[in-house]
Amino acid sequence: LTSLWSMVKKYNACVGQEEYSKVPKKIRVTLGPIAGMSSSTLDYKIENSDQNFDNTSVKPVLGASFNFSVPTISEKLSLQVVVLYAPNYFEGSTQDDPMVPGVSTSEIWLDVKHVKIPVLARYTYPKGVIRPYINIGPVINLVASQENEMTTTSTFGGSSRTNTKPFLEDDGFLTLSGGVAAGLGISYPVFNKPLSLEARYEIND
């Protein structure tokens, strides 16, 4: 294409016509659906003591991606804005020192559904049928809904008592939080449309 453009330029110079120039492309926006699986872990602090929830939440994730690029500036760099629906369910427990009289054991569960909005800078290798890429950027987490509960069983001597209450009150739950994500993936054309497979790591509060 470059050699053809050079020939046209020389011809126009000889015959005195205006020089041919390529029409610059505007911002290109690509929209696509997202489906995947999320594996999440959760930890928390009680009186400055780190605690871990017992299980890992493995749930489906659905959403859509919007890719913004300016081909006249770079075919490699783009901005990837993603909207994801991501549910999670965790269980955990705490227990007093069994050597101290009057032991309390608490069982906790937390069911939270997030709307995640990663805003990622993407670098795509521009050559080849299979094109690797990397993503990195901030993530906004919005809580769509949440439920949580803590059941505490207190034992002293031969008697026990059970009490159930929220683990986190409404004013103690983060409805808006932030984090950072990074991903590594490949893009492959299927029916002239790019199909991407990506592994992504995210950490947030």
N, C-alpha and C. Protein backbone atom coordinates (compact mmCIF):
# COMPACT_ATOMS: atom_id res chain seq x y z
N LEU A 1 0.83 -1.21 0.00
CA LEU A 1 0.00 0.00 0.00
C LEU A 1 0.87 1.26 0.00
N THR A 2 1.99 1.20 0.70
CA THR A 2 2.89 2.36 0.74
C THR A 2 3.49 2.65 -0.63
N SER A 3 3.93 1.58 -1.35
CA SER A 3 4.50 1.77 -2.68
C SER A 3 3.47 2.30 -3.66
N LEU A 4 2.21 1.82 -3.56
CA LEU A 4 1.14 2.32 -4.43
C LEU A 4 0.88 3.79 -4.17
N TRP A 5 0.89 4.18 -2.90
CA TRP A 5 0.68 5.59 -2.55
C TRP A 5 1.80 6.46 -3.10
N SER A 6 3.04 5.94 -3.09
CA SER A 6 4.19 6.69 -3.63
C SER A 6 4.05 6.89 -5.13
N MET A 7 3.57 5.85 -5.85
CA MET A 7 3.38 5.96 -7.29
C MET A 7 2.32 7.00 -7.62
N VAL A 8 1.21 6.99 -6.86
CA VAL A 8 0.15 7.97 -7.09
C VAL A 8 0.66 9.38 -6.82
N LYS A 9 1.46 9.54 -5.79
CA LYS A 9 2.02 10.85 -5.46
C LYS A 9 2.91 11.38 -6.58
N LYS A 10 3.77 10.49 -7.16
CA LYS A 10 4.66 10.92 -8.24
C LYS A 10 3.86 11.27 -9.49
N TYR A 11 2.82 10.48 -9.78
CA TYR A 11 1.99 10.75 -10.96
C TYR A 11 1.28 12.09 -10.82
N ASN A 12 0.71 12.35 -9.65
CA ASN A 12 0.02 13.61 -9.44
C ASN A 12 0.96 14.80 -9.54
N ALA A 13 2.19 14.60 -9.11
CA ALA A 13 3.17 15.68 -9.21
C ALA A 13 3.50 15.99 -10.66
N CYS A 14 3.51 14.94 -11.51
CA CYS A 14 3.83 15.15 -12.93
C CYS A 14 2.70 15.85 -13.67
N VAL A 15 1.46 15.45 -13.39
CA VAL A 15 0.32 16.01 -14.15
C VAL A 15 -0.30 17.22 -13.45
N GLY A 16 0.21 17.57 -12.28
CA GLY A 16 -0.27 18.75 -11.59
C GLY A 16 -1.58 18.57 -10.87
N GLN A 17 -1.97 17.34 -10.56
CA GLN A 17 -3.21 17.11 -9.84
C GLN A 17 -2.94 17.12 -8.33
N GLU A 18 -4.06 17.20 -7.60
CA GLU A 18 -3.93 17.20 -6.16
C GLU A 18 -3.46 15.84 -5.67
N GLU A 19 -2.72 15.90 -4.61
CA GLU A 19 -2.14 14.68 -4.04
C GLU A 19 -3.22 13.85 -3.34
N TYR A 20 -3.17 12.54 -3.59
CA TYR A 20 -4.12 11.62 -2.94
C TYR A 20 -3.73 11.43 -1.46
N SER A 21 -4.70 11.45 -0.61
CA SER A 21 -4.44 11.20 0.81
C SER A 21 -5.50 10.26 1.36
N LYS A 22 -5.08 9.38 2.25
CA LYS A 22 -6.01 8.44 2.86
C LYS A 22 -6.93 9.17 3.83
N VAL A 23 -8.20 8.76 3.86
CA VAL A 23 -9.15 9.34 4.80
C VAL A 23 -8.87 8.74 6.17
N PRO A 24 -8.54 9.56 7.16
CA PRO A 24 -8.22 9.02 8.48
C PRO A 24 -9.44 8.39 9.14
N LYS A 25 -9.21 7.27 9.81
CA LYS A 25 -10.28 6.60 10.52
C LYS A 25 -10.59 7.33 11.82
N LYS A 26 -11.85 7.34 12.20
CA LYS A 26 -12.25 7.95 13.45
C LYS A 26 -12.08 6.94 14.58
N ILE A 27 -12.59 7.29 15.74
CA ILE A 27 -12.53 6.37 16.88
C ILE A 27 -13.35 5.13 16.56
N ARG A 28 -12.78 3.98 16.81
CA ARG A 28 -13.45 2.71 16.53
C ARG A 28 -13.94 2.13 17.86
N VAL A 29 -15.22 1.77 17.93
CA VAL A 29 -15.83 1.20 19.13
C VAL A 29 -16.32 -0.21 18.80
N THR A 30 -15.88 -1.16 19.59
CA THR A 30 -16.28 -2.55 19.41
C THR A 30 -17.02 -3.03 20.65
N LEU A 31 -18.19 -3.61 20.44
CA LEU A 31 -19.02 -4.11 21.54
C LEU A 31 -19.08 -5.62 21.47
N GLY A 32 -18.97 -6.27 22.65
CA GLY A 32 -19.03 -7.73 22.67
C GLY A 32 -19.52 -8.26 24.00
N PRO A 33 -20.16 -9.44 24.01
CA PRO A 33 -20.62 -10.07 25.26
C PRO A 33 -19.48 -10.76 25.98
N ILE A 34 -19.65 -10.97 27.28
CA ILE A 34 -18.66 -11.65 28.11
C ILE A 34 -19.35 -12.73 28.93
N ALA A 35 -18.74 -13.90 28.99
CA ALA A 35 -19.21 -14.98 29.85
C ALA A 35 -17.98 -15.68 30.42
N GLY A 36 -18.03 -16.02 31.71
CA GLY A 36 -16.87 -16.67 32.31
C GLY A 36 -17.17 -17.16 33.71
N MET A 37 -16.10 -17.52 34.42
CA MET A 37 -16.20 -18.00 35.80
C MET A 37 -15.28 -17.15 36.67
N SER A 38 -15.75 -16.90 37.89
CA SER A 38 -14.97 -16.13 38.85
C SER A 38 -14.70 -16.99 40.08
N SER A 39 -13.45 -17.00 40.50
CA SER A 39 -13.05 -17.69 41.72
C SER A 39 -12.54 -16.64 42.70
N SER A 40 -13.26 -16.44 43.82
CA SER A 40 -12.95 -15.34 44.74
C SER A 40 -12.71 -15.84 46.15
N THR A 41 -11.81 -15.18 46.85
CA THR A 41 -11.57 -15.44 48.27
C THR A 41 -11.78 -14.15 49.04
N LEU A 42 -12.03 -14.28 50.35
CA LEU A 42 -12.36 -13.13 51.18
C LEU A 42 -11.68 -13.26 52.53
N ASP A 43 -11.11 -12.15 53.02
CA ASP A 43 -10.60 -12.12 54.39
C ASP A 43 -11.08 -10.85 55.08
N TYR A 44 -11.08 -10.87 56.38
CA TYR A 44 -11.58 -9.74 57.16
C TYR A 44 -10.81 -9.67 58.48
N LYS A 45 -11.02 -8.57 59.20
CA LYS A 45 -10.34 -8.38 60.48
C LYS A 45 -11.35 -8.22 61.59
N ILE A 46 -11.08 -8.86 62.72
CA ILE A 46 -11.85 -8.67 63.94
C ILE A 46 -10.87 -8.30 65.05
N GLU A 47 -11.01 -7.07 65.54
CA GLU A 47 -10.10 -6.56 66.58
C GLU A 47 -8.64 -6.72 66.15
N ASN A 48 -8.36 -6.25 64.91
CA ASN A 48 -7.01 -6.25 64.34
C ASN A 48 -6.43 -7.64 64.13
N SER A 49 -7.28 -8.66 64.17
CA SER A 49 -6.83 -10.03 63.92
C SER A 49 -7.36 -10.49 62.57
N ASP A 50 -6.46 -10.90 61.67
CA ASP A 50 -6.88 -11.36 60.35
C ASP A 50 -7.62 -12.68 60.46
N GLN A 51 -8.77 -12.77 59.78
CA GLN A 51 -9.55 -13.99 59.71
C GLN A 51 -9.79 -14.31 58.23
N ASN A 52 -9.93 -15.58 57.93
CA ASN A 52 -10.19 -16.01 56.56
C ASN A 52 -11.50 -16.77 56.48
N PHE A 53 -12.27 -16.51 55.44
CA PHE A 53 -13.44 -17.33 55.18
C PHE A 53 -12.99 -18.70 54.69
N ASP A 54 -13.77 -19.74 55.05
CA ASP A 54 -13.32 -21.10 54.81
C ASP A 54 -13.34 -21.49 53.33
N ASN A 55 -14.30 -20.97 52.59
CA ASN A 55 -14.46 -21.47 51.23
C ASN A 55 -14.11 -20.43 50.18
N THR A 56 -13.89 -20.91 48.96
CA THR A 56 -13.68 -20.05 47.81
C THR A 56 -14.97 -20.01 47.01
N SER A 57 -15.41 -18.81 46.67
CA SER A 57 -16.64 -18.65 45.91
C SER A 57 -16.35 -18.81 44.43
N VAL A 58 -16.97 -19.79 43.79
CA VAL A 58 -16.84 -20.01 42.35
C VAL A 58 -18.22 -19.79 41.73
N LYS A 59 -18.35 -18.74 40.96
CA LYS A 59 -19.64 -18.34 40.41
C LYS A 59 -19.49 -17.90 38.95
N PRO A 60 -20.57 -18.01 38.16
CA PRO A 60 -20.53 -17.49 36.78
C PRO A 60 -20.52 -15.96 36.76
N VAL A 61 -19.93 -15.41 35.72
CA VAL A 61 -19.86 -13.97 35.52
C VAL A 61 -20.37 -13.65 34.11
N LEU A 62 -21.24 -12.64 34.00
CA LEU A 62 -21.80 -12.24 32.72
C LEU A 62 -21.63 -10.73 32.55
N GLY A 63 -21.52 -10.28 31.31
CA GLY A 63 -21.40 -8.85 31.09
C GLY A 63 -21.18 -8.49 29.64
N ALA A 64 -20.69 -7.28 29.44
CA ALA A 64 -20.42 -6.76 28.11
C ALA A 64 -19.16 -5.92 28.15
N SER A 65 -18.46 -5.87 27.02
CA SER A 65 -17.23 -5.08 26.93
C SER A 65 -17.36 -4.06 25.81
N PHE A 66 -16.73 -2.90 26.04
CA PHE A 66 -16.68 -1.83 25.05
C PHE A 66 -15.21 -1.48 24.84
N ASN A 67 -14.73 -1.68 23.61
CA ASN A 67 -13.33 -1.41 23.29
C ASN A 67 -13.25 -0.15 22.43
N PHE A 68 -12.47 0.83 22.90
CA PHE A 68 -12.30 2.09 22.19
C PHE A 68 -10.86 2.18 21.69
N SER A 69 -10.71 2.44 20.39
CA SER A 69 -9.37 2.57 19.82
C SER A 69 -9.37 3.68 18.77
N VAL A 70 -8.18 4.23 18.54
CA VAL A 70 -7.97 5.26 17.52
C VAL A 70 -6.89 4.72 16.58
N PRO A 71 -7.29 4.07 15.47
CA PRO A 71 -6.30 3.43 14.59
C PRO A 71 -5.25 4.39 14.04
N THR A 72 -5.60 5.66 13.85
CA THR A 72 -4.62 6.61 13.31
C THR A 72 -3.49 6.88 14.30
N ILE A 73 -3.75 6.65 15.57
CA ILE A 73 -2.71 6.85 16.59
C ILE A 73 -1.95 5.56 16.85
N SER A 74 -2.70 4.46 17.07
CA SER A 74 -2.04 3.18 17.36
C SER A 74 -3.01 2.03 17.11
N GLU A 75 -2.53 1.00 16.44
CA GLU A 75 -3.29 -0.23 16.26
C GLU A 75 -3.08 -1.18 17.44
N LYS A 76 -2.15 -0.83 18.31
CA LYS A 76 -1.80 -1.72 19.42
C LYS A 76 -2.52 -1.37 20.71
N LEU A 77 -2.76 -0.06 20.94
CA LEU A 77 -3.31 0.40 22.21
C LEU A 77 -4.80 0.69 22.09
N SER A 78 -5.55 0.35 23.12
CA SER A 78 -6.98 0.64 23.16
C SER A 78 -7.42 0.72 24.62
N LEU A 79 -8.65 1.19 24.81
CA LEU A 79 -9.25 1.29 26.13
C LEU A 79 -10.41 0.31 26.21
N GLN A 80 -10.37 -0.59 27.19
CA GLN A 80 -11.39 -1.62 27.36
C GLN A 80 -12.22 -1.29 28.60
N VAL A 81 -13.49 -0.96 28.38
CA VAL A 81 -14.42 -0.69 29.48
C VAL A 81 -15.39 -1.85 29.57
N VAL A 82 -15.48 -2.47 30.75
CA VAL A 82 -16.26 -3.69 30.93
C VAL A 82 -17.31 -3.47 32.02
N VAL A 83 -18.50 -4.03 31.80
CA VAL A 83 -19.55 -4.05 32.83
C VAL A 83 -19.87 -5.51 33.11
N LEU A 84 -19.69 -5.93 34.38
CA LEU A 84 -19.84 -7.33 34.76
C LEU A 84 -20.84 -7.49 35.90
N TYR A 85 -21.63 -8.54 35.84
CA TYR A 85 -22.48 -8.95 36.95
C TYR A 85 -21.79 -10.14 37.62
N ALA A 86 -21.38 -9.97 38.88
CA ALA A 86 -20.53 -10.97 39.55
C ALA A 86 -21.08 -11.30 40.94
N PRO A 87 -21.76 -12.44 41.10
CA PRO A 87 -22.23 -12.86 42.43
C PRO A 87 -21.14 -13.61 43.20
N ASN A 88 -21.20 -13.54 44.53
CA ASN A 88 -20.28 -14.29 45.40
C ASN A 88 -21.00 -14.78 46.64
N TYR A 89 -20.56 -15.92 47.15
CA TYR A 89 -21.10 -16.45 48.40
C TYR A 89 -19.94 -17.00 49.22
N PHE A 90 -19.85 -16.56 50.48
CA PHE A 90 -18.76 -16.97 51.36
C PHE A 90 -19.30 -17.48 52.69
N GLU A 91 -18.56 -18.38 53.29
CA GLU A 91 -18.85 -18.87 54.64
C GLU A 91 -17.58 -18.79 55.47
N GLY A 92 -17.74 -18.53 56.76
CA GLY A 92 -16.59 -18.45 57.65
C GLY A 92 -17.00 -18.75 59.07
N SER A 93 -16.02 -18.81 59.97
CA SER A 93 -16.30 -19.10 61.37
C SER A 93 -15.22 -18.49 62.25
N THR A 94 -15.60 -18.19 63.49
CA THR A 94 -14.65 -17.74 64.50
C THR A 94 -14.92 -18.52 65.79
N GLN A 95 -13.89 -18.64 66.60
CA GLN A 95 -14.05 -19.39 67.85
C GLN A 95 -13.14 -18.80 68.92
N ASP A 96 -13.67 -18.73 70.15
CA ASP A 96 -12.86 -18.28 71.28
C ASP A 96 -11.80 -19.33 71.63
N ASP A 97 -10.88 -18.93 72.46
CA ASP A 97 -9.86 -19.85 72.96
C ASP A 97 -10.53 -20.97 73.75
N PRO A 98 -10.41 -22.23 73.32
CA PRO A 98 -11.10 -23.33 74.01
C PRO A 98 -10.57 -23.56 75.43
N MET A 99 -9.42 -22.99 75.79
CA MET A 99 -8.87 -23.16 77.14
C MET A 99 -9.52 -22.22 78.14
N VAL A 100 -10.29 -21.22 77.61
CA VAL A 100 -10.95 -20.26 78.49
C VAL A 100 -12.39 -20.70 78.71
N PRO A 101 -12.85 -20.72 79.95
CA PRO A 101 -14.25 -21.11 80.21
C PRO A 101 -15.24 -20.19 79.50
N GLY A 102 -16.30 -20.78 78.99
CA GLY A 102 -17.30 -20.00 78.26
C GLY A 102 -16.89 -19.78 76.82
N VAL A 103 -17.01 -20.82 76.00
CA VAL A 103 -16.55 -20.75 74.61
C VAL A 103 -17.70 -20.28 73.71
N SER A 104 -17.37 -19.36 72.78
CA SER A 104 -18.34 -18.90 71.78
C SER A 104 -17.83 -19.25 70.39
N THR A 105 -18.69 -19.84 69.59
CA THR A 105 -18.38 -20.18 68.20
C THR A 105 -19.38 -19.48 67.29
N SER A 106 -18.88 -18.80 66.26
CA SER A 106 -19.75 -18.07 65.35
C SER A 106 -19.61 -18.62 63.93
N GLU A 107 -20.75 -18.89 63.29
CA GLU A 107 -20.80 -19.30 61.90
C GLU A 107 -21.35 -18.13 61.09
N ILE A 108 -20.64 -17.79 60.01
CA ILE A 108 -20.96 -16.59 59.24
C ILE A 108 -21.16 -16.96 57.77
N TRP A 109 -22.17 -16.37 57.15
CA TRP A 109 -22.29 -16.46 55.70
C TRP A 109 -22.59 -15.09 55.12
N LEU A 110 -22.15 -14.90 53.88
CA LEU A 110 -22.29 -13.61 53.21
C LEU A 110 -22.60 -13.86 51.74
N ASP A 111 -23.72 -13.32 51.27
CA ASP A 111 -24.15 -13.45 49.87
C ASP A 111 -24.20 -12.05 49.28
N VAL A 112 -23.32 -11.77 48.33
CA VAL A 112 -23.22 -10.41 47.78
C VAL A 112 -23.14 -10.49 46.25
N LYS A 113 -23.86 -9.59 45.60
CA LYS A 113 -23.87 -9.52 44.14
C LYS A 113 -23.32 -8.16 43.72
N HIS A 114 -22.25 -8.19 42.95
CA HIS A 114 -21.56 -6.97 42.53
C HIS A 114 -21.84 -6.64 41.06
N VAL A 115 -21.82 -5.36 40.76
CA VAL A 115 -21.67 -4.88 39.39
C VAL A 115 -20.28 -4.28 39.31
N LYS A 116 -19.40 -4.93 38.54
CA LYS A 116 -18.01 -4.50 38.43
C LYS A 116 -17.80 -3.74 37.12
N ILE A 117 -17.02 -2.67 37.19
CA ILE A 117 -16.72 -1.87 36.01
C ILE A 117 -15.19 -1.71 35.91
N PRO A 118 -14.50 -2.66 35.28
CA PRO A 118 -13.08 -2.47 35.01
C PRO A 118 -12.86 -1.49 33.86
N VAL A 119 -11.90 -0.60 34.02
CA VAL A 119 -11.50 0.33 32.97
C VAL A 119 -10.03 0.04 32.69
N LEU A 120 -9.76 -0.66 31.59
CA LEU A 120 -8.46 -1.27 31.39
C LEU A 120 -7.76 -0.72 30.15
N ALA A 121 -6.49 -0.43 30.29
CA ALA A 121 -5.65 -0.12 29.14
C ALA A 121 -5.21 -1.44 28.52
N ARG A 122 -5.38 -1.59 27.21
CA ARG A 122 -5.06 -2.85 26.53
C ARG A 122 -3.97 -2.65 25.50
N TYR A 123 -3.00 -3.57 25.51
CA TYR A 123 -1.98 -3.64 24.47
C TYR A 123 -2.18 -4.96 23.72
N THR A 124 -2.39 -4.87 22.39
CA THR A 124 -2.61 -6.05 21.56
C THR A 124 -1.48 -6.17 20.55
N TYR A 125 -0.90 -7.38 20.45
CA TYR A 125 0.12 -7.61 19.43
C TYR A 125 -0.56 -7.56 18.07
N PRO A 126 -0.12 -6.68 17.15
CA PRO A 126 -0.92 -6.39 15.96
C PRO A 126 -0.79 -7.38 14.80
N LYS A 127 0.05 -8.39 14.89
CA LYS A 127 0.29 -9.29 13.75
C LYS A 127 -0.14 -10.71 14.08
N GLY A 128 -0.45 -11.47 13.02
CA GLY A 128 -0.77 -12.88 13.18
C GLY A 128 -2.26 -13.13 13.34
N VAL A 129 -2.64 -14.39 13.14
CA VAL A 129 -4.05 -14.78 13.29
C VAL A 129 -4.42 -14.80 14.78
N ILE A 130 -3.56 -15.41 15.60
CA ILE A 130 -3.75 -15.40 17.05
C ILE A 130 -2.99 -14.21 17.63
N ARG A 131 -3.72 -13.31 18.29
CA ARG A 131 -3.11 -12.09 18.79
C ARG A 131 -3.15 -12.04 20.32
N PRO A 132 -2.02 -12.17 20.97
CA PRO A 132 -2.00 -12.04 22.44
C PRO A 132 -2.18 -10.58 22.86
N TYR A 133 -2.70 -10.38 24.07
CA TYR A 133 -2.88 -9.03 24.58
C TYR A 133 -2.78 -9.04 26.10
N ILE A 134 -2.56 -7.85 26.67
CA ILE A 134 -2.53 -7.68 28.12
C ILE A 134 -3.44 -6.51 28.49
N ASN A 135 -4.05 -6.60 29.67
CA ASN A 135 -4.92 -5.56 30.20
C ASN A 135 -4.44 -5.16 31.58
N ILE A 136 -4.60 -3.89 31.95
CA ILE A 136 -4.35 -3.46 33.32
C ILE A 136 -5.09 -2.15 33.57
N GLY A 137 -5.63 -2.01 34.79
CA GLY A 137 -6.33 -0.79 35.11
C GLY A 137 -7.18 -0.91 36.37
N PRO A 138 -7.86 0.16 36.75
CA PRO A 138 -8.68 0.17 37.96
C PRO A 138 -10.02 -0.53 37.75
N VAL A 139 -10.64 -0.91 38.87
CA VAL A 139 -11.95 -1.55 38.86
C VAL A 139 -12.85 -0.86 39.88
N ILE A 140 -14.07 -0.53 39.46
CA ILE A 140 -15.08 0.01 40.36
C ILE A 140 -16.06 -1.12 40.70
N ASN A 141 -16.34 -1.30 42.00
CA ASN A 141 -17.26 -2.34 42.45
C ASN A 141 -18.49 -1.70 43.10
N LEU A 142 -19.66 -2.00 42.56
CA LEU A 142 -20.92 -1.53 43.11
C LEU A 142 -21.71 -2.73 43.63
N VAL A 143 -22.26 -2.62 44.83
CA VAL A 143 -23.05 -3.71 45.40
C VAL A 143 -24.49 -3.59 44.90
N ALA A 144 -24.94 -4.60 44.15
CA ALA A 144 -26.32 -4.62 43.68
C ALA A 144 -27.26 -5.11 44.78
N SER A 145 -26.82 -6.12 45.53
CA SER A 145 -27.60 -6.62 46.67
C SER A 145 -26.68 -7.40 47.57
N GLN A 146 -27.06 -7.51 48.86
CA GLN A 146 -26.24 -8.28 49.79
C GLN A 146 -27.11 -8.76 50.95
N GLU A 147 -26.76 -9.95 51.44
CA GLU A 147 -27.36 -10.52 52.65
C GLU A 147 -26.23 -11.16 53.44
N ASN A 148 -26.29 -11.06 54.76
CA ASN A 148 -25.26 -11.70 55.58
C ASN A 148 -25.85 -12.02 56.94
N GLU A 149 -25.25 -13.00 57.60
CA GLU A 149 -25.78 -13.46 58.88
C GLU A 149 -24.68 -14.10 59.70
N MET A 150 -24.78 -13.96 61.01
CA MET A 150 -23.84 -14.60 61.93
C MET A 150 -24.63 -15.29 63.04
N THR A 151 -24.40 -16.58 63.20
CA THR A 151 -25.04 -17.37 64.25
C THR A 151 -23.98 -17.73 65.29
N THR A 152 -24.17 -17.24 66.50
CA THR A 152 -23.20 -17.46 67.57
C THR A 152 -23.77 -18.41 68.62
N THR A 153 -23.00 -19.44 68.93
CA THR A 153 -23.37 -20.40 69.97
C THR A 153 -22.40 -20.25 71.14
N SER A 154 -22.94 -19.89 72.31
CA SER A 154 -22.13 -19.70 73.51
C SER A 154 -22.36 -20.88 74.45
N THR A 155 -21.28 -21.49 74.90
CA THR A 155 -21.36 -22.65 75.79
C THR A 155 -20.64 -22.34 77.09
N PHE A 156 -21.32 -22.60 78.19
CA PHE A 156 -20.71 -22.42 79.51
C PHE A 156 -21.22 -23.54 80.42
N GLY A 157 -20.28 -24.35 80.86
CA GLY A 157 -20.65 -25.52 81.65
C GLY A 157 -21.42 -26.50 80.78
N GLY A 158 -22.60 -26.90 81.23
CA GLY A 158 -23.38 -27.85 80.44
C GLY A 158 -24.49 -27.20 79.65
N SER A 159 -24.57 -25.87 79.63
CA SER A 159 -25.64 -25.17 78.91
C SER A 159 -25.07 -24.38 77.75
N SER A 160 -25.92 -24.15 76.74
CA SER A 160 -25.52 -23.38 75.58
C SER A 160 -26.66 -22.46 75.14
N ARG A 161 -26.30 -21.39 74.43
CA ARG A 161 -27.28 -20.43 73.96
C ARG A 161 -26.88 -20.00 72.55
N THR A 162 -27.88 -19.88 71.66
CA THR A 162 -27.63 -19.51 70.27
C THR A 162 -28.29 -18.17 69.96
N ASN A 163 -27.54 -17.31 69.29
CA ASN A 163 -28.03 -15.99 68.92
C ASN A 163 -27.70 -15.73 67.45
N THR A 164 -28.70 -15.24 66.69
CA THR A 164 -28.51 -14.95 65.26
C THR A 164 -28.73 -13.47 65.02
N LYS A 165 -27.79 -12.85 64.29
CA LYS A 165 -27.88 -11.43 63.96
C LYS A 165 -27.08 -11.17 62.68
N PRO A 166 -27.23 -9.99 62.07
CA PRO A 166 -26.42 -9.67 60.89
C PRO A 166 -24.93 -9.64 61.23
N PHE A 167 -24.11 -10.17 60.34
CA PHE A 167 -22.66 -10.09 60.51
C PHE A 167 -22.18 -8.66 60.27
N LEU A 168 -22.73 -8.02 59.25
CA LEU A 168 -22.44 -6.62 58.94
C LEU A 168 -23.75 -5.86 58.86
N GLU A 169 -23.86 -4.77 59.60
CA GLU A 169 -25.03 -3.91 59.48
C GLU A 169 -24.98 -3.16 58.15
N ASP A 170 -26.11 -2.57 57.77
CA ASP A 170 -26.18 -1.87 56.49
C ASP A 170 -25.15 -0.75 56.39
N ASP A 171 -24.92 -0.02 57.49
CA ASP A 171 -23.97 1.08 57.45
C ASP A 171 -22.53 0.61 57.57
N GLY A 172 -22.31 -0.69 57.75
CA GLY A 172 -20.96 -1.22 57.85
C GLY A 172 -20.52 -1.98 56.62
N PHE A 173 -21.35 -1.93 55.57
CA PHE A 173 -21.05 -2.69 54.36
C PHE A 173 -20.68 -1.72 53.24
N LEU A 174 -19.56 -1.98 52.57
CA LEU A 174 -19.11 -1.11 51.49
C LEU A 174 -19.98 -1.31 50.25
N THR A 175 -20.79 -0.32 49.92
CA THR A 175 -21.60 -0.41 48.71
C THR A 175 -20.83 0.06 47.48
N LEU A 176 -19.74 0.78 47.69
CA LEU A 176 -18.87 1.23 46.60
C LEU A 176 -17.42 1.02 47.02
N SER A 177 -16.68 0.29 46.22
CA SER A 177 -15.28 0.03 46.54
C SER A 177 -14.47 0.02 45.26
N GLY A 178 -13.17 0.02 45.41
CA GLY A 178 -12.28 0.06 44.26
C GLY A 178 -11.19 -0.96 44.35
N GLY A 179 -10.54 -1.18 43.22
CA GLY A 179 -9.44 -2.14 43.17
C GLY A 179 -8.66 -1.98 41.89
N VAL A 180 -7.86 -2.98 41.58
CA VAL A 180 -7.05 -2.98 40.37
C VAL A 180 -7.07 -4.39 39.78
N ALA A 181 -7.04 -4.47 38.45
CA ALA A 181 -7.08 -5.76 37.76
C ALA A 181 -6.03 -5.78 36.66
N ALA A 182 -5.53 -6.98 36.39
CA ALA A 182 -4.59 -7.20 35.29
C ALA A 182 -4.93 -8.52 34.64
N GLY A 183 -4.84 -8.57 33.31
CA GLY A 183 -5.21 -9.79 32.61
C GLY A 183 -4.28 -10.08 31.44
N LEU A 184 -4.26 -11.35 31.05
CA LEU A 184 -3.48 -11.82 29.91
C LEU A 184 -4.37 -12.71 29.06
N GLY A 185 -4.45 -12.43 27.75
CA GLY A 185 -5.36 -13.21 26.92
C GLY A 185 -4.90 -13.33 25.49
N ILE A 186 -5.71 -14.03 24.69
CA ILE A 186 -5.47 -14.16 23.26
C ILE A 186 -6.78 -13.90 22.53
N SER A 187 -6.67 -13.36 21.31
CA SER A 187 -7.82 -13.08 20.47
C SER A 187 -7.67 -13.86 19.17
N TYR A 188 -8.77 -14.50 18.74
CA TYR A 188 -8.73 -15.34 17.54
C TYR A 188 -10.00 -15.09 16.73
N PRO A 189 -9.91 -14.90 15.41
CA PRO A 189 -11.11 -14.62 14.62
C PRO A 189 -11.97 -15.87 14.40
N VAL A 190 -13.26 -15.74 14.68
CA VAL A 190 -14.24 -16.80 14.43
C VAL A 190 -15.40 -16.17 13.67
N PHE A 191 -15.64 -16.66 12.43
CA PHE A 191 -16.66 -16.06 11.56
C PHE A 191 -16.44 -14.56 11.41
N ASN A 192 -15.18 -14.19 11.23
CA ASN A 192 -14.76 -12.80 11.02
C ASN A 192 -15.02 -11.90 12.23
N LYS A 193 -15.23 -12.51 13.40
CA LYS A 193 -15.39 -11.76 14.63
C LYS A 193 -14.35 -12.23 15.64
N PRO A 194 -13.76 -11.30 16.41
CA PRO A 194 -12.72 -11.73 17.37
C PRO A 194 -13.32 -12.44 18.58
N LEU A 195 -12.82 -13.62 18.87
CA LEU A 195 -13.16 -14.36 20.08
C LEU A 195 -11.96 -14.31 21.01
N SER A 196 -12.18 -13.86 22.24
CA SER A 196 -11.07 -13.67 23.18
C SER A 196 -11.21 -14.62 24.37
N LEU A 197 -10.08 -15.12 24.82
CA LEU A 197 -10.00 -15.93 26.03
C LEU A 197 -8.97 -15.29 26.94
N GLU A 198 -9.39 -14.97 28.17
CA GLU A 198 -8.53 -14.19 29.05
C GLU A 198 -8.58 -14.70 30.48
N ALA A 199 -7.44 -14.66 31.14
CA ALA A 199 -7.35 -14.91 32.58
C ALA A 199 -7.02 -13.59 33.25
N ARG A 200 -7.78 -13.25 34.30
CA ARG A 200 -7.63 -11.95 34.92
C ARG A 200 -7.53 -12.09 36.43
N TYR A 201 -6.65 -11.29 37.03
CA TYR A 201 -6.50 -11.27 38.49
C TYR A 201 -6.92 -9.90 39.00
N GLU A 202 -7.72 -9.91 40.08
CA GLU A 202 -8.22 -8.65 40.64
C GLU A 202 -8.06 -8.65 42.15
N ILE A 203 -7.70 -7.52 42.72
CA ILE A 203 -7.64 -7.36 44.16
C ILE A 203 -8.32 -6.04 44.51
N ASN A 204 -9.18 -6.06 45.55
CA ASN A 204 -9.89 -4.86 45.94
C ASN A 204 -10.28 -4.93 47.40
N ASP A 205 -10.93 -3.86 47.87
CA ASP A 205 -11.34 -3.79 49.27
C ASP A 205 -12.82 -4.10 49.44
